[in-house]
Each structure stands twice: as C-alpha cells, then as structure tokens.
Protein backbone atom coordinates (compact mmCIF):
# COMPACT_ATOMS: atom_id res chain seq x y z
CA MET A 1 14.64 7.62 23.74
CA THR A 2 11.79 8.52 21.41
CA THR A 3 10.46 5.80 19.13
CA VAL A 4 10.26 6.78 15.48
CA LYS A 5 6.78 6.36 13.97
CA ILE A 6 6.44 5.54 10.27
CA ALA A 7 3.18 5.48 8.30
CA ILE A 8 2.73 3.49 5.11
CA THR A 9 -0.27 5.11 3.53
CA ALA A 10 -2.52 4.45 0.54
CA TYR A 11 -6.03 5.14 -0.69
CA VAL A 12 -8.36 2.14 -1.07
CA ASP A 13 -11.16 2.76 -3.56
CA ASN A 14 -14.54 0.99 -3.53
CA LYS A 15 -13.76 -1.76 -6.01
CA ALA A 16 -13.05 -5.38 -5.06
CA LYS A 17 -9.60 -5.35 -6.71
CA PHE A 18 -8.42 -2.48 -4.49
CA VAL A 19 -9.75 -4.19 -1.36
CA ASP A 20 -7.94 -7.42 -2.32
CA GLU A 21 -4.72 -5.52 -3.09
CA ALA A 22 -4.86 -3.62 0.20
CA ASN A 23 -5.43 -6.81 2.18
CA LEU A 24 -2.48 -8.50 0.45
CA MET A 25 -0.32 -5.43 0.99
CA THR A 26 -1.00 -5.28 4.74
CA TYR A 27 -0.57 -9.06 5.04
CA SER A 28 2.78 -8.81 3.26
CA GLY A 29 3.83 -6.24 5.88
CA ARG A 30 3.40 -8.59 8.82
CA GLY A 31 7.20 -8.75 9.19
CA LEU A 32 7.60 -5.01 9.75
CA ASP A 33 8.83 -3.84 13.11
CA GLY A 34 6.78 -1.79 15.58
CA ARG A 35 7.72 1.57 14.04
CA PHE A 36 5.43 0.94 11.05
CA THR A 37 1.68 1.40 10.78
CA PHE A 38 -0.42 1.07 7.64
CA VAL A 39 -2.66 4.14 7.51
CA LEU A 40 -5.26 3.34 4.87
CA TYR A 41 -7.64 6.01 3.68
CA ALA A 42 -10.60 3.93 2.54
CA HIS A 43 -13.80 4.66 0.68
CA PRO A 44 -16.58 4.46 3.32
CA ASP A 45 -18.37 1.65 1.43
CA ILE A 46 -15.47 -0.80 1.85
CA VAL A 47 -14.11 0.06 5.31
CA ASN A 48 -15.52 -3.14 6.82
CA GLN A 49 -13.96 -5.31 4.08
CA LEU A 50 -10.38 -4.41 5.03
CA ASP A 51 -8.34 -6.74 7.21
CA ARG A 52 -7.38 -5.24 10.54
CA HIS A 53 -4.03 -6.44 11.70
CA MET A 54 -2.38 -4.94 14.75
CA ASN A 55 -0.51 -2.44 12.56
CA VAL A 56 -3.40 -1.23 10.39
CA GLU A 57 -5.36 1.99 10.93
CA ILE A 58 -8.29 2.69 8.63
CA ILE A 59 -9.52 6.21 7.95
CA PRO A 60 -12.91 6.51 6.18
CA TYR A 61 -12.39 8.97 3.35
CA SER A 62 -14.49 10.22 0.45
CA VAL A 63 -12.67 11.64 -2.55
CA PRO A 64 -13.86 15.16 -3.48
CA ASP A 65 -16.75 15.01 -5.94
CA THR A 66 -15.10 16.81 -8.83
CA GLN A 67 -14.97 15.89 -12.49
CA PHE A 68 -11.18 15.56 -12.41
CA TYR A 69 -11.36 12.46 -10.17
CA LYS A 70 -14.12 10.98 -12.30
CA ASP A 71 -12.10 11.45 -15.51
CA TYR A 72 -8.80 10.25 -14.07
CA GLY A 73 -9.47 7.70 -11.34
CA PHE A 74 -5.82 7.16 -10.44
CA ALA A 75 -5.64 10.74 -9.18
CA LYS A 76 -7.75 9.58 -6.25
CA SER A 77 -4.65 7.90 -4.86
CA MET A 78 -2.82 11.22 -4.71
CA VAL A 79 -5.30 13.68 -3.17
CA PHE A 80 -6.01 12.17 0.26
CA PRO A 81 -2.83 13.27 2.14
CA TYR A 82 -3.41 16.86 1.08
CA ASP A 83 -7.14 16.82 1.61
CA MET A 84 -7.04 15.18 5.05
CA PRO A 85 -3.48 15.24 6.49
CA GLU A 86 -4.42 15.07 10.19
CA PRO A 87 -4.13 11.26 10.61
CA LEU A 88 -0.56 11.42 9.24
CA LEU A 89 0.71 14.30 11.38
CA GLU A 90 1.63 12.06 14.33
CA TYR A 91 4.19 10.18 12.19
CA ASP A 92 7.82 11.13 11.78
CA TYR A 93 7.90 9.69 8.26
CA VAL A 94 5.22 8.89 5.69
CA CYS A 95 5.66 6.35 2.90
CA LYS A 96 3.04 6.99 0.23
CA THR A 97 2.21 4.02 -1.97
CA ASP A 98 -0.55 2.41 -3.99
CA THR A 99 -2.27 -0.79 -2.90
CA ASP A 100 -0.70 -3.06 -5.54
CA VAL A 101 2.61 -3.57 -3.72
CA PHE A 102 4.23 -6.04 -1.37
CA ILE A 103 5.98 -4.66 1.71
CA THR A 104 8.78 -6.94 2.89
CA PRO A 105 10.80 -6.99 6.13
CA MET A 106 13.64 -5.34 4.18
CA MET A 107 11.73 -2.11 4.82
CA ASN A 108 12.89 -2.43 8.45
CA HIS A 109 16.41 -1.62 7.23
CA PHE A 110 15.54 1.42 5.12
CA THR A 111 17.37 4.51 6.34
CA PHE A 112 14.92 7.34 6.89
CA GLU A 113 16.77 10.62 6.89
CA THR A 114 15.77 14.18 6.14
CA ASN A 115 12.64 13.70 4.03
CA LYS A 116 9.31 13.48 5.82
CA ILE A 117 7.49 11.90 2.84
CA TYR A 118 8.80 9.02 0.73
CA VAL A 119 7.34 7.60 -2.47
CA GLY A 120 8.39 4.67 -4.64
CA LEU A 121 9.62 4.66 -8.20
CA GLY A 122 6.17 3.95 -9.63
CA HIS A 123 6.91 1.60 -12.49
CA TYR A 124 6.55 -2.05 -13.34
CA SER A 125 9.66 -4.00 -14.05
CA VAL A 126 9.63 -7.06 -16.28
CA THR A 127 13.27 -8.02 -15.99
CA PRO A 128 14.03 -11.70 -15.36
CA GLY A 129 15.23 -10.88 -11.84
CA SER A 130 12.06 -9.01 -10.88
CA ILE A 131 9.85 -11.75 -12.32
CA ASP A 132 11.68 -14.36 -10.21
CA ALA A 133 11.42 -12.14 -7.12
CA LEU A 134 7.68 -11.68 -7.63
CA LYS A 135 7.22 -15.44 -8.04
CA ASN A 136 9.03 -15.99 -4.72
CA VAL A 137 6.84 -13.43 -2.95
CA ALA A 138 3.66 -14.81 -4.52
CA GLU A 139 4.46 -18.45 -3.77
CA PRO A 140 2.97 -18.54 -0.23
CA VAL A 141 -0.19 -16.81 -1.45
CA CYS A 142 -0.70 -18.69 -4.72
CA VAL A 143 0.23 -22.31 -4.22
CA ASP A 144 1.06 -24.36 -7.33
CA LYS A 145 1.25 -21.32 -9.60
CA LYS A 146 3.92 -21.40 -12.27
CA THR A 147 3.93 -18.03 -14.02
CA LEU A 148 3.36 -14.46 -12.97
CA ASP A 149 2.65 -11.43 -15.10
CA PRO A 150 4.15 -8.51 -13.11
CA ARG A 151 2.29 -5.94 -15.19
CA THR A 152 -1.11 -7.14 -14.04
CA TYR A 153 -0.27 -9.40 -11.07
CA LYS A 154 -2.32 -12.20 -12.61
CA PHE A 155 -1.24 -15.66 -11.63
CA ASP A 156 -1.48 -18.18 -14.46
CA THR A 157 -1.33 -21.95 -14.05
C-alpha cells in the first residue's frame, strides 16, 4: 500500500510578520498525520528564523526581480510553485496557502480526490461563529487575551 504524500505550501517573505505567521502556522499543524509536510519556500534572508518541526521542509527561494512583484507584493505568494515546482513534484496533493492561517487536525479528515492542487477560499470572515472559533484557536498561544480582530489577527487585552 502506497502512502499518500500531501504538501502544505506557502511563500515566506523576509519580513518579521511573515516569519511569525509561518512559525505559528507550522506549530498549529502539529496535530496533522504523517501524510502532511509543510513545504515552505522562504526568502534566503530568513531561512534560519523558521522553526523546523519534523514535518517542515524549507526551500530557499528568491522571487524574480521584476517590477510586478515590487508593485504588488502579495503576488510573491503565487509565483513560487510555477517558478520552482520541483520540490512539490514528489507529493500526490498540494495545498497552497498563505502564512496567516491555522492548520487544525480536521485537515486529517479532508477527502483529497481528483485535484492535485487545492487552495482555500481566501477571505476573512467576521461572523460571530468565526470570531469565537479564532478565539478558541488563539487561546493557547495568547493567554489572558479577551478579544480578537480576525481581519488583522491582532490580540487586544
């Protein structure tokens, strides 16, 4: 029986906020089963600042030096799989995300089917239910915090 391999991949830019987000994202994924590996394409200047758990692979990557990526920085998070796909080719499925997410053990139950690449919905939700869910996720990380702004992930006392 062949084991399915699943990559969760993101680009980590060379700013402290992206490093912090990536470290929280990979920490949040500690409950994933052995099929999952975080494959982080990281700006060479911050490679050594990323936490290395047993399910994290870090690929040094420099975004192409074109004006488009300077004018629209968020595009950096989309180009890496096309520019350097080789590290992802060994995986049966690829989940493309940004660094500002939490990955919960519920991902272990996601049914991967015919698509090779999966992406999320890409929006922030400020419904009462999502705010409560984010507070529950944030609680172990931010002790004694009372409110959470899900649009900016700032924890207010």
